[in-house]
Amino acid sequence: MDLNLTTQHIDGTAVIALVGEVDIHTAARLRKEISRALSNGCYDLIVDLGGVEFMDSSGLHTLVGALKKVRAYDGSLRLVGARERVLKIFRITHLTKVFDLQPAMPPVPGVLDTIQPL
């Protein structure tokens, strides 16, 4: 399966929605999209994982790298909407303690601070 990415900018935050698989074959595309957002001065990112069917260690590595980059700019990275099978890899690796994982995007664009942690 492939990976489709869609990026929107809402109130100074880049929201990157993913659909498909984040693996060794597709992680570079996500890394490039995150780098594009950062190079445009957008240091607050939300990655919508709701459409992700599968993620391997390459996907985790990409997200850990993104977290380090945004923190270097005093930014933030929130992961939202992950399905149980994707959350499982975060739990197994104890990355639930590292990432801001949240159940879903807020229903109204621009109300980004109302998301509740898992």
N, C-alpha and C. Protein backbone atom coordinates (compact mmCIF):
# COMPACT_ATOMS: atom_id res chain seq x y z
N MET A 1 0.85 -1.19 0.00
CA MET A 1 0.00 0.00 0.00
C MET A 1 0.88 1.24 0.00
N ASP A 2 0.38 2.30 -0.52
CA ASP A 2 1.10 3.56 -0.62
C ASP A 2 0.72 4.46 0.56
N LEU A 3 1.29 5.63 0.56
CA LEU A 3 0.98 6.63 1.58
C LEU A 3 0.55 7.91 0.89
N ASN A 4 -0.62 8.40 1.25
CA ASN A 4 -1.10 9.69 0.77
C ASN A 4 -1.00 10.69 1.90
N LEU A 5 -0.49 11.87 1.57
CA LEU A 5 -0.31 12.94 2.56
C LEU A 5 -1.07 14.17 2.10
N THR A 6 -1.73 14.81 3.04
CA THR A 6 -2.41 16.08 2.78
C THR A 6 -2.04 17.03 3.91
N THR A 7 -1.58 18.21 3.55
CA THR A 7 -1.19 19.19 4.57
C THR A 7 -2.08 20.42 4.49
N GLN A 8 -2.57 20.83 5.65
CA GLN A 8 -3.34 22.08 5.78
C GLN A 8 -2.66 22.92 6.84
N HIS A 9 -2.79 24.22 6.70
CA HIS A 9 -2.27 25.13 7.72
C HIS A 9 -3.46 25.78 8.40
N ILE A 10 -3.55 25.56 9.73
CA ILE A 10 -4.66 26.07 10.52
C ILE A 10 -4.08 26.83 11.70
N ASP A 11 -4.33 28.12 11.74
CA ASP A 11 -3.88 28.96 12.86
C ASP A 11 -2.39 28.77 13.16
N GLY A 12 -1.56 28.74 12.13
CA GLY A 12 -0.12 28.63 12.31
C GLY A 12 0.38 27.23 12.60
N THR A 13 -0.50 26.26 12.54
CA THR A 13 -0.15 24.85 12.76
C THR A 13 -0.29 24.09 11.46
N ALA A 14 0.72 23.28 11.14
CA ALA A 14 0.61 22.40 9.97
C ALA A 14 -0.04 21.10 10.40
N VAL A 15 -1.12 20.76 9.74
CA VAL A 15 -1.83 19.51 10.00
C VAL A 15 -1.57 18.59 8.82
N ILE A 16 -0.86 17.50 9.09
CA ILE A 16 -0.49 16.55 8.04
C ILE A 16 -1.32 15.30 8.25
N ALA A 17 -2.23 15.05 7.31
CA ALA A 17 -3.10 13.87 7.39
C ALA A 17 -2.49 12.76 6.54
N LEU A 18 -2.42 11.58 7.13
CA LEU A 18 -1.82 10.43 6.45
C LEU A 18 -2.88 9.36 6.20
N VAL A 19 -2.79 8.74 5.02
CA VAL A 19 -3.66 7.62 4.69
C VAL A 19 -2.79 6.57 4.02
N GLY A 20 -2.79 5.37 4.60
CA GLY A 20 -2.01 4.27 4.02
C GLY A 20 -1.05 3.70 5.03
N GLU A 21 0.13 3.32 4.54
CA GLU A 21 1.15 2.70 5.38
C GLU A 21 2.37 3.60 5.50
N VAL A 22 2.90 3.69 6.71
CA VAL A 22 4.14 4.42 6.96
C VAL A 22 5.19 3.37 7.26
N ASP A 23 6.01 3.08 6.26
CA ASP A 23 7.01 2.02 6.39
C ASP A 23 8.30 2.43 5.70
N ILE A 24 9.19 1.49 5.54
CA ILE A 24 10.49 1.79 4.95
C ILE A 24 10.36 2.38 3.55
N HIS A 25 9.29 2.06 2.85
CA HIS A 25 9.09 2.54 1.49
C HIS A 25 8.46 3.93 1.43
N THR A 26 7.79 4.35 2.48
CA THR A 26 7.04 5.61 2.43
C THR A 26 7.48 6.64 3.46
N ALA A 27 8.28 6.24 4.44
CA ALA A 27 8.66 7.16 5.52
C ALA A 27 9.40 8.39 5.00
N ALA A 28 10.16 8.25 3.94
CA ALA A 28 10.89 9.39 3.39
C ALA A 28 9.95 10.48 2.91
N ARG A 29 8.79 10.09 2.40
CA ARG A 29 7.79 11.09 1.95
C ARG A 29 7.26 11.88 3.13
N LEU A 30 7.02 11.20 4.25
CA LEU A 30 6.56 11.89 5.46
C LEU A 30 7.65 12.81 5.98
N ARG A 31 8.88 12.33 6.01
CA ARG A 31 10.02 13.13 6.47
C ARG A 31 10.15 14.40 5.62
N LYS A 32 9.98 14.26 4.31
CA LYS A 32 10.07 15.41 3.40
C LYS A 32 8.95 16.41 3.66
N GLU A 33 7.75 15.92 3.92
CA GLU A 33 6.61 16.81 4.19
C GLU A 33 6.80 17.57 5.50
N ILE A 34 7.32 16.89 6.50
CA ILE A 34 7.60 17.53 7.78
C ILE A 34 8.70 18.58 7.61
N SER A 35 9.74 18.25 6.87
CA SER A 35 10.82 19.21 6.60
C SER A 35 10.30 20.43 5.86
N ARG A 36 9.38 20.22 4.94
CA ARG A 36 8.79 21.34 4.19
C ARG A 36 8.05 22.28 5.13
N ALA A 37 7.28 21.72 6.05
CA ALA A 37 6.55 22.55 7.02
C ALA A 37 7.52 23.35 7.88
N LEU A 38 8.57 22.69 8.35
CA LEU A 38 9.56 23.37 9.19
C LEU A 38 10.30 24.46 8.42
N SER A 39 10.64 24.18 7.17
CA SER A 39 11.36 25.19 6.38
C SER A 39 10.48 26.39 6.06
N ASN A 40 9.16 26.20 6.14
CA ASN A 40 8.22 27.32 5.96
C ASN A 40 7.93 28.04 7.27
N GLY A 41 8.67 27.68 8.33
CA GLY A 41 8.52 28.37 9.61
C GLY A 41 7.38 27.86 10.46
N CYS A 42 6.85 26.71 10.13
CA CYS A 42 5.75 26.13 10.90
C CYS A 42 6.33 25.09 11.86
N TYR A 43 6.40 25.45 13.15
CA TYR A 43 7.04 24.58 14.14
C TYR A 43 6.05 23.86 15.05
N ASP A 44 4.79 24.08 14.84
CA ASP A 44 3.75 23.34 15.55
C ASP A 44 3.08 22.43 14.52
N LEU A 45 3.20 21.13 14.75
CA LEU A 45 2.69 20.15 13.80
C LEU A 45 1.69 19.22 14.46
N ILE A 46 0.70 18.86 13.69
CA ILE A 46 -0.22 17.80 14.07
C ILE A 46 -0.16 16.77 12.95
N VAL A 47 0.09 15.53 13.31
CA VAL A 47 0.07 14.45 12.33
C VAL A 47 -1.16 13.60 12.62
N ASP A 48 -2.08 13.59 11.66
CA ASP A 48 -3.32 12.83 11.79
C ASP A 48 -3.05 11.41 11.30
N LEU A 49 -3.04 10.48 12.24
CA LEU A 49 -2.76 9.08 11.94
C LEU A 49 -4.03 8.25 11.73
N GLY A 50 -5.16 8.90 11.66
CA GLY A 50 -6.44 8.19 11.56
C GLY A 50 -6.55 7.27 10.35
N GLY A 51 -5.86 7.61 9.27
CA GLY A 51 -5.93 6.80 8.06
C GLY A 51 -4.77 5.84 7.90
N VAL A 52 -3.94 5.73 8.93
CA VAL A 52 -2.76 4.86 8.84
C VAL A 52 -3.16 3.43 9.21
N GLU A 53 -2.95 2.52 8.26
CA GLU A 53 -3.26 1.11 8.46
C GLU A 53 -2.11 0.36 9.12
N PHE A 54 -0.88 0.82 8.86
CA PHE A 54 0.30 0.10 9.34
C PHE A 54 1.44 1.09 9.50
N MET A 55 2.26 0.88 10.54
CA MET A 55 3.46 1.67 10.73
C MET A 55 4.56 0.75 11.25
N ASP A 56 5.75 0.86 10.64
CA ASP A 56 6.87 0.08 11.13
C ASP A 56 7.88 0.99 11.82
N SER A 57 9.05 0.44 12.14
CA SER A 57 10.06 1.22 12.86
C SER A 57 10.56 2.42 12.06
N SER A 58 10.48 2.35 10.73
CA SER A 58 10.88 3.51 9.91
C SER A 58 9.94 4.69 10.15
N GLY A 59 8.66 4.39 10.29
CA GLY A 59 7.69 5.43 10.60
C GLY A 59 7.91 6.03 11.97
N LEU A 60 8.19 5.16 12.95
CA LEU A 60 8.48 5.65 14.30
C LEU A 60 9.74 6.51 14.29
N HIS A 61 10.75 6.06 13.59
CA HIS A 61 12.01 6.81 13.50
C HIS A 61 11.77 8.19 12.89
N THR A 62 10.95 8.26 11.87
CA THR A 62 10.63 9.54 11.24
C THR A 62 9.93 10.47 12.22
N LEU A 63 8.99 9.94 12.99
CA LEU A 63 8.26 10.78 13.95
C LEU A 63 9.15 11.21 15.11
N VAL A 64 10.04 10.33 15.58
CA VAL A 64 10.98 10.72 16.64
C VAL A 64 11.89 11.83 16.13
N GLY A 65 12.37 11.71 14.90
CA GLY A 65 13.21 12.76 14.32
C GLY A 65 12.46 14.08 14.20
N ALA A 66 11.19 14.00 13.80
CA ALA A 66 10.38 15.21 13.70
C ALA A 66 10.19 15.85 15.06
N LEU A 67 9.97 15.05 16.09
CA LEU A 67 9.80 15.58 17.44
C LEU A 67 11.05 16.32 17.89
N LYS A 68 12.20 15.76 17.63
CA LYS A 68 13.46 16.42 17.99
C LYS A 68 13.60 17.75 17.27
N LYS A 69 13.24 17.77 15.99
CA LYS A 69 13.36 19.01 15.21
C LYS A 69 12.43 20.10 15.71
N VAL A 70 11.16 19.77 15.96
CA VAL A 70 10.23 20.81 16.41
C VAL A 70 10.60 21.31 17.80
N ARG A 71 11.09 20.43 18.64
CA ARG A 71 11.50 20.87 19.98
C ARG A 71 12.69 21.81 19.92
N ALA A 72 13.56 21.64 18.93
CA ALA A 72 14.70 22.55 18.77
C ALA A 72 14.23 23.97 18.47
N TYR A 73 13.02 24.11 17.94
CA TYR A 73 12.44 25.43 17.64
C TYR A 73 11.37 25.81 18.67
N ASP A 74 11.34 25.12 19.80
CA ASP A 74 10.30 25.32 20.82
C ASP A 74 8.91 25.10 20.26
N GLY A 75 8.80 24.19 19.30
CA GLY A 75 7.52 23.86 18.70
C GLY A 75 6.92 22.62 19.34
N SER A 76 5.90 22.10 18.69
CA SER A 76 5.21 20.93 19.23
C SER A 76 4.84 19.97 18.11
N LEU A 77 4.69 18.72 18.48
CA LEU A 77 4.23 17.68 17.56
C LEU A 77 3.17 16.88 18.28
N ARG A 78 1.98 16.89 17.74
CA ARG A 78 0.87 16.11 18.29
C ARG A 78 0.48 15.04 17.28
N LEU A 79 0.25 13.85 17.76
CA LEU A 79 -0.21 12.75 16.93
C LEU A 79 -1.65 12.46 17.31
N VAL A 80 -2.54 12.49 16.32
CA VAL A 80 -3.97 12.33 16.62
C VAL A 80 -4.59 11.21 15.80
N GLY A 81 -5.60 10.61 16.39
CA GLY A 81 -6.47 9.69 15.67
C GLY A 81 -5.91 8.32 15.37
N ALA A 82 -4.83 7.92 16.01
CA ALA A 82 -4.23 6.62 15.70
C ALA A 82 -5.18 5.48 16.05
N ARG A 83 -5.24 4.52 15.16
CA ARG A 83 -6.03 3.31 15.40
C ARG A 83 -5.29 2.42 16.40
N GLU A 84 -6.02 1.49 16.97
CA GLU A 84 -5.46 0.62 18.00
C GLU A 84 -4.21 -0.12 17.52
N ARG A 85 -4.21 -0.61 16.29
CA ARG A 85 -3.04 -1.38 15.83
C ARG A 85 -1.81 -0.49 15.68
N VAL A 86 -2.00 0.79 15.42
CA VAL A 86 -0.88 1.72 15.35
C VAL A 86 -0.47 2.14 16.76
N LEU A 87 -1.44 2.39 17.63
CA LEU A 87 -1.13 2.73 19.02
C LEU A 87 -0.32 1.63 19.70
N LYS A 88 -0.57 0.41 19.31
CA LYS A 88 0.11 -0.73 19.93
C LYS A 88 1.63 -0.61 19.79
N ILE A 89 2.11 -0.17 18.63
CA ILE A 89 3.56 -0.04 18.43
C ILE A 89 4.13 1.08 19.30
N PHE A 90 3.34 2.13 19.56
CA PHE A 90 3.79 3.19 20.46
C PHE A 90 3.85 2.67 21.90
N ARG A 91 2.88 1.84 22.28
CA ARG A 91 2.89 1.27 23.63
C ARG A 91 4.05 0.30 23.83
N ILE A 92 4.27 -0.58 22.87
CA ILE A 92 5.34 -1.58 22.98
C ILE A 92 6.70 -0.91 23.12
N THR A 93 6.90 0.18 22.40
CA THR A 93 8.19 0.89 22.43
C THR A 93 8.24 1.96 23.52
N HIS A 94 7.19 2.09 24.30
CA HIS A 94 7.08 3.08 25.38
C HIS A 94 7.13 4.51 24.86
N LEU A 95 6.82 4.70 23.59
CA LEU A 95 6.80 6.05 23.03
C LEU A 95 5.54 6.81 23.41
N THR A 96 4.60 6.16 24.07
CA THR A 96 3.43 6.87 24.59
C THR A 96 3.85 7.87 25.66
N LYS A 97 5.02 7.65 26.25
CA LYS A 97 5.55 8.58 27.26
C LYS A 97 6.27 9.76 26.62
N VAL A 98 6.59 9.64 25.35
CA VAL A 98 7.37 10.66 24.65
C VAL A 98 6.48 11.56 23.80
N PHE A 99 5.51 10.96 23.13
CA PHE A 99 4.66 11.70 22.21
C PHE A 99 3.39 12.19 22.86
N ASP A 100 2.87 13.28 22.32
CA ASP A 100 1.55 13.80 22.67
C ASP A 100 0.56 13.10 21.75
N LEU A 101 0.01 11.98 22.22
CA LEU A 101 -0.95 11.18 21.46
C LEU A 101 -2.35 11.55 21.90
N GLN A 102 -3.20 11.88 20.93
CA GLN A 102 -4.55 12.31 21.24
C GLN A 102 -5.54 11.57 20.34
N PRO A 103 -6.76 11.35 20.83
CA PRO A 103 -7.70 10.49 20.11
C PRO A 103 -8.19 11.01 18.76
N ALA A 104 -8.36 12.31 18.62
CA ALA A 104 -8.94 12.83 17.38
C ALA A 104 -8.69 14.31 17.22
N MET A 105 -8.84 14.76 15.99
CA MET A 105 -8.79 16.20 15.73
C MET A 105 -10.06 16.82 16.29
N PRO A 106 -9.98 18.09 16.70
CA PRO A 106 -11.20 18.75 17.17
C PRO A 106 -12.17 18.93 16.01
N PRO A 107 -13.46 18.98 16.28
CA PRO A 107 -14.44 19.10 15.19
C PRO A 107 -14.43 20.45 14.50
N VAL A 108 -13.93 21.48 15.15
CA VAL A 108 -13.94 22.82 14.56
C VAL A 108 -12.51 23.26 14.28
N PRO A 109 -12.15 23.50 13.00
CA PRO A 109 -10.79 23.96 12.70
C PRO A 109 -10.45 25.21 13.49
N GLY A 110 -9.23 25.25 14.01
CA GLY A 110 -8.78 26.40 14.77
C GLY A 110 -8.91 26.22 16.26
N VAL A 111 -9.59 25.18 16.70
CA VAL A 111 -9.75 24.93 18.12
C VAL A 111 -8.80 23.80 18.50
N LEU A 112 -7.53 24.00 18.24
CA LEU A 112 -6.55 22.94 18.38
C LEU A 112 -6.20 22.63 19.83
N ASP A 113 -6.35 23.56 20.73
CA ASP A 113 -5.96 23.32 22.11
C ASP A 113 -7.02 22.59 22.92
N THR A 114 -8.12 22.22 22.29
CA THR A 114 -9.18 21.54 23.02
C THR A 114 -9.06 20.03 22.94
N ILE A 115 -8.05 19.52 22.26
CA ILE A 115 -7.88 18.07 22.13
C ILE A 115 -7.46 17.52 23.50
N GLN A 116 -8.06 16.41 23.89
CA GLN A 116 -7.75 15.80 25.17
C GLN A 116 -6.77 14.65 24.98
N PRO A 117 -5.77 14.52 25.84
CA PRO A 117 -4.80 13.41 25.72
C PRO A 117 -5.46 12.06 25.92
N LEU A 118 -4.83 11.01 25.36
CA LEU A 118 -5.31 9.64 25.54
C LEU A 118 -5.07 9.18 26.96
